[in-house]
Amino acid sequence: MDVDRVRRMVVESLPELGFPKAEPNWETLLVSEGRPTGCRFEFDRVRAYWFASRDAVEFYRDDWVPLKKEVAGRRSEVREESAS
């Protein structure tokens, strides 16, 4: 599990979504049955969740509107209302 790699990708993706590039305000390792399964990254108006089992990152606004999904570096579902 390479959280540093994922954090860099998440931070680099923020401007594309209409948010300033920034370090996470906090991050939380996601654990299931005592094993790490991903990570949650929280920013001022956006959050990202990394799911290690499918190497996918999902981005949401702070009101839970989905913004974008990336699977192993491939983008999908980019929404235009991002920073509204």
N, C-alpha and C. Protein backbone atom coordinates (compact mmCIF):
# COMPACT_ATOMS: atom_id res chain seq x y z
N MET A 1 0.86 -1.18 0.00
CA MET A 1 0.00 0.00 0.00
C MET A 1 0.89 1.23 0.00
N ASP A 2 0.79 2.05 -1.02
CA ASP A 2 1.64 3.23 -1.15
C ASP A 2 0.80 4.49 -0.97
N VAL A 3 0.55 4.86 0.29
CA VAL A 3 -0.28 6.03 0.59
C VAL A 3 0.37 7.31 0.07
N ASP A 4 1.71 7.39 0.12
CA ASP A 4 2.39 8.59 -0.38
C ASP A 4 2.10 8.82 -1.86
N ARG A 5 2.12 7.76 -2.66
CA ARG A 5 1.83 7.87 -4.10
C ARG A 5 0.40 8.36 -4.31
N VAL A 6 -0.52 7.80 -3.57
CA VAL A 6 -1.92 8.18 -3.71
C VAL A 6 -2.13 9.62 -3.26
N ARG A 7 -1.53 10.02 -2.15
CA ARG A 7 -1.65 11.40 -1.66
C ARG A 7 -1.17 12.38 -2.71
N ARG A 8 -0.03 12.10 -3.34
CA ARG A 8 0.49 12.99 -4.40
C ARG A 8 -0.50 13.11 -5.55
N MET A 9 -1.07 11.97 -5.97
CA MET A 9 -2.04 11.99 -7.08
C MET A 9 -3.28 12.80 -6.69
N VAL A 10 -3.75 12.62 -5.47
CA VAL A 10 -4.93 13.35 -5.00
C VAL A 10 -4.65 14.84 -5.00
N VAL A 11 -3.53 15.25 -4.42
CA VAL A 11 -3.17 16.68 -4.35
C VAL A 11 -3.02 17.26 -5.75
N GLU A 12 -2.39 16.53 -6.66
CA GLU A 12 -2.20 17.02 -8.03
C GLU A 12 -3.53 17.12 -8.79
N SER A 13 -4.54 16.36 -8.40
CA SER A 13 -5.84 16.38 -9.08
C SER A 13 -6.74 17.53 -8.64
N LEU A 14 -6.48 18.13 -7.51
CA LEU A 14 -7.37 19.17 -6.98
C LEU A 14 -7.60 20.34 -7.95
N PRO A 15 -6.56 20.92 -8.58
CA PRO A 15 -6.82 22.04 -9.50
C PRO A 15 -7.73 21.67 -10.67
N GLU A 16 -7.64 20.46 -11.17
CA GLU A 16 -8.50 20.00 -12.26
C GLU A 16 -9.98 20.02 -11.82
N LEU A 17 -10.21 19.87 -10.53
CA LEU A 17 -11.57 19.85 -9.99
C LEU A 17 -12.04 21.23 -9.54
N GLY A 18 -11.18 22.24 -9.69
CA GLY A 18 -11.56 23.60 -9.32
C GLY A 18 -11.18 23.99 -7.90
N PHE A 19 -10.30 23.23 -7.29
CA PHE A 19 -9.87 23.52 -5.92
C PHE A 19 -8.38 23.81 -5.92
N PRO A 20 -7.90 24.64 -4.98
CA PRO A 20 -6.46 24.91 -4.93
C PRO A 20 -5.68 23.68 -4.49
N LYS A 21 -4.47 23.54 -5.04
CA LYS A 21 -3.60 22.46 -4.62
C LYS A 21 -3.21 22.70 -3.16
N ALA A 22 -3.38 21.68 -2.33
CA ALA A 22 -3.08 21.82 -0.90
C ALA A 22 -2.82 20.45 -0.31
N GLU A 23 -2.15 20.44 0.80
CA GLU A 23 -1.97 19.20 1.55
C GLU A 23 -3.27 18.92 2.30
N PRO A 24 -3.58 17.66 2.56
CA PRO A 24 -4.81 17.35 3.28
C PRO A 24 -4.82 17.97 4.68
N ASN A 25 -6.00 18.41 5.12
CA ASN A 25 -6.14 18.87 6.50
C ASN A 25 -5.93 17.70 7.45
N TRP A 26 -6.41 16.54 7.06
CA TRP A 26 -6.12 15.31 7.78
C TRP A 26 -6.38 14.15 6.86
N GLU A 27 -5.82 13.01 7.22
CA GLU A 27 -6.06 11.79 6.49
C GLU A 27 -6.22 10.65 7.49
N THR A 28 -7.03 9.69 7.10
CA THR A 28 -7.35 8.57 7.97
C THR A 28 -7.15 7.28 7.21
N LEU A 29 -6.39 6.37 7.77
CA LEU A 29 -6.22 5.06 7.19
C LEU A 29 -7.52 4.27 7.38
N LEU A 30 -8.02 3.68 6.30
CA LEU A 30 -9.23 2.86 6.38
C LEU A 30 -8.82 1.42 6.66
N VAL A 31 -9.45 0.81 7.65
CA VAL A 31 -9.07 -0.52 8.12
C VAL A 31 -10.31 -1.41 8.18
N SER A 32 -10.17 -2.64 7.74
CA SER A 32 -11.24 -3.63 7.85
C SER A 32 -10.63 -4.91 8.39
N GLU A 33 -11.22 -5.42 9.46
CA GLU A 33 -10.74 -6.64 10.09
C GLU A 33 -9.25 -6.55 10.41
N GLY A 34 -8.82 -5.38 10.86
CA GLY A 34 -7.43 -5.18 11.26
C GLY A 34 -6.44 -4.99 10.12
N ARG A 35 -6.91 -4.93 8.89
CA ARG A 35 -6.02 -4.78 7.74
C ARG A 35 -6.31 -3.46 7.04
N PRO A 36 -5.26 -2.73 6.62
CA PRO A 36 -5.48 -1.48 5.89
C PRO A 36 -6.14 -1.76 4.53
N THR A 37 -7.17 -0.98 4.22
CA THR A 37 -7.90 -1.17 2.96
C THR A 37 -7.94 0.08 2.10
N GLY A 38 -7.44 1.21 2.61
CA GLY A 38 -7.47 2.45 1.85
C GLY A 38 -7.18 3.62 2.75
N CYS A 39 -7.55 4.80 2.27
CA CYS A 39 -7.28 6.02 3.02
C CYS A 39 -8.29 7.10 2.65
N ARG A 40 -8.66 7.91 3.64
CA ARG A 40 -9.55 9.06 3.42
C ARG A 40 -8.71 10.32 3.56
N PHE A 41 -8.82 11.22 2.59
CA PHE A 41 -8.10 12.50 2.60
C PHE A 41 -9.13 13.61 2.67
N GLU A 42 -9.02 14.48 3.67
CA GLU A 42 -9.98 15.58 3.86
C GLU A 42 -9.29 16.92 3.58
N PHE A 43 -9.95 17.73 2.74
CA PHE A 43 -9.49 19.08 2.43
C PHE A 43 -10.61 20.05 2.83
N ASP A 44 -10.43 21.35 2.62
CA ASP A 44 -11.44 22.33 3.04
C ASP A 44 -12.81 22.08 2.42
N ARG A 45 -12.90 21.85 1.12
CA ARG A 45 -14.22 21.71 0.47
C ARG A 45 -14.32 20.46 -0.40
N VAL A 46 -13.39 19.56 -0.20
CA VAL A 46 -13.39 18.33 -1.00
C VAL A 46 -12.76 17.21 -0.17
N ARG A 47 -13.20 15.99 -0.45
CA ARG A 47 -12.61 14.83 0.20
C ARG A 47 -12.36 13.76 -0.86
N ALA A 48 -11.38 12.92 -0.58
CA ALA A 48 -11.05 11.84 -1.51
C ALA A 48 -10.90 10.55 -0.71
N TYR A 49 -11.37 9.48 -1.31
CA TYR A 49 -11.26 8.16 -0.70
C TYR A 49 -10.51 7.25 -1.65
N TRP A 50 -9.48 6.59 -1.13
CA TRP A 50 -8.71 5.62 -1.91
C TRP A 50 -9.09 4.23 -1.43
N PHE A 51 -9.46 3.36 -2.37
CA PHE A 51 -9.80 1.99 -2.08
C PHE A 51 -8.68 1.10 -2.64
N ALA A 52 -7.85 0.55 -1.76
CA ALA A 52 -6.66 -0.18 -2.17
C ALA A 52 -6.98 -1.41 -3.02
N SER A 53 -8.06 -2.11 -2.71
CA SER A 53 -8.36 -3.36 -3.41
C SER A 53 -8.56 -3.16 -4.91
N ARG A 54 -9.03 -1.98 -5.31
CA ARG A 54 -9.22 -1.71 -6.75
C ARG A 54 -8.38 -0.53 -7.22
N ASP A 55 -7.47 -0.07 -6.36
CA ASP A 55 -6.60 1.07 -6.65
C ASP A 55 -7.41 2.22 -7.25
N ALA A 56 -8.52 2.55 -6.61
CA ALA A 56 -9.43 3.59 -7.09
C ALA A 56 -9.51 4.72 -6.09
N VAL A 57 -9.60 5.95 -6.61
CA VAL A 57 -9.81 7.14 -5.79
C VAL A 57 -11.11 7.78 -6.22
N GLU A 58 -11.96 8.10 -5.26
CA GLU A 58 -13.21 8.79 -5.53
C GLU A 58 -13.17 10.15 -4.82
N PHE A 59 -13.53 11.20 -5.56
CA PHE A 59 -13.53 12.57 -5.04
C PHE A 59 -14.97 13.04 -4.83
N TYR A 60 -15.21 13.73 -3.72
CA TYR A 60 -16.53 14.27 -3.40
C TYR A 60 -16.38 15.68 -2.86
N ARG A 61 -17.37 16.53 -3.15
CA ARG A 61 -17.42 17.83 -2.48
C ARG A 61 -17.79 17.58 -1.03
N ASP A 62 -17.67 18.60 -0.19
CA ASP A 62 -18.00 18.43 1.22
C ASP A 62 -19.48 18.17 1.46
N ASP A 63 -20.34 18.40 0.45
CA ASP A 63 -21.77 18.07 0.57
C ASP A 63 -22.08 16.72 -0.09
N TRP A 64 -21.06 15.91 -0.35
CA TRP A 64 -21.14 14.55 -0.89
C TRP A 64 -21.54 14.47 -2.35
N VAL A 65 -21.47 15.55 -3.09
CA VAL A 65 -21.69 15.49 -4.53
C VAL A 65 -20.45 14.83 -5.15
N PRO A 66 -20.63 13.74 -5.91
CA PRO A 66 -19.48 13.09 -6.54
C PRO A 66 -18.83 14.01 -7.58
N LEU A 67 -17.50 14.01 -7.59
CA LEU A 67 -16.76 14.84 -8.54
C LEU A 67 -16.05 14.02 -9.60
N LYS A 68 -15.31 13.00 -9.17
CA LYS A 68 -14.49 12.26 -10.13
C LYS A 68 -14.08 10.94 -9.50
N LYS A 69 -13.90 9.94 -10.37
CA LYS A 69 -13.34 8.66 -9.95
C LYS A 69 -12.12 8.39 -10.79
N GLU A 70 -11.08 7.87 -10.19
CA GLU A 70 -9.89 7.45 -10.92
C GLU A 70 -9.57 6.03 -10.52
N VAL A 71 -9.36 5.18 -11.51
CA VAL A 71 -8.98 3.79 -11.26
C VAL A 71 -7.63 3.57 -11.91
N ALA A 72 -6.63 3.28 -11.10
CA ALA A 72 -5.27 3.03 -11.60
C ALA A 72 -4.84 4.11 -12.59
N GLY A 73 -5.13 5.37 -12.28
CA GLY A 73 -4.70 6.48 -13.10
C GLY A 73 -5.62 6.85 -14.24
N ARG A 74 -6.70 6.07 -14.47
CA ARG A 74 -7.65 6.41 -15.53
C ARG A 74 -8.78 7.22 -14.94
N ARG A 75 -9.15 8.30 -15.59
CA ARG A 75 -10.19 9.20 -15.08
C ARG A 75 -11.55 8.83 -15.63
N SER A 76 -12.57 9.13 -14.82
CA SER A 76 -13.95 9.01 -15.30
C SER A 76 -14.84 9.89 -14.45
N GLU A 77 -16.02 10.16 -14.96
CA GLU A 77 -17.05 10.90 -14.23
C GLU A 77 -16.59 12.24 -13.67
N VAL A 78 -15.98 13.05 -14.50
CA VAL A 78 -15.62 14.41 -14.06
C VAL A 78 -16.85 15.28 -14.17
N ARG A 79 -17.19 15.96 -13.09
CA ARG A 79 -18.38 16.80 -13.05
C ARG A 79 -17.98 18.26 -13.19
N GLU A 80 -18.77 19.03 -13.88
CA GLU A 80 -18.46 20.44 -14.12
C GLU A 80 -18.79 21.34 -12.94
N GLU A 81 -19.75 20.98 -12.08
CA GLU A 81 -20.16 21.84 -11.00
C GLU A 81 -19.21 21.79 -9.81
N SER A 82 -18.01 21.28 -9.98
CA SER A 82 -17.07 20.97 -8.92
C SER A 82 -16.98 21.96 -7.78
N ALA A 83 -16.48 23.15 -8.00
CA ALA A 83 -16.19 24.08 -6.90
C ALA A 83 -17.35 25.01 -6.59
N SER A 84 -18.51 24.75 -7.12
CA SER A 84 -19.67 25.63 -6.90
C SER A 84 -20.01 25.73 -5.43
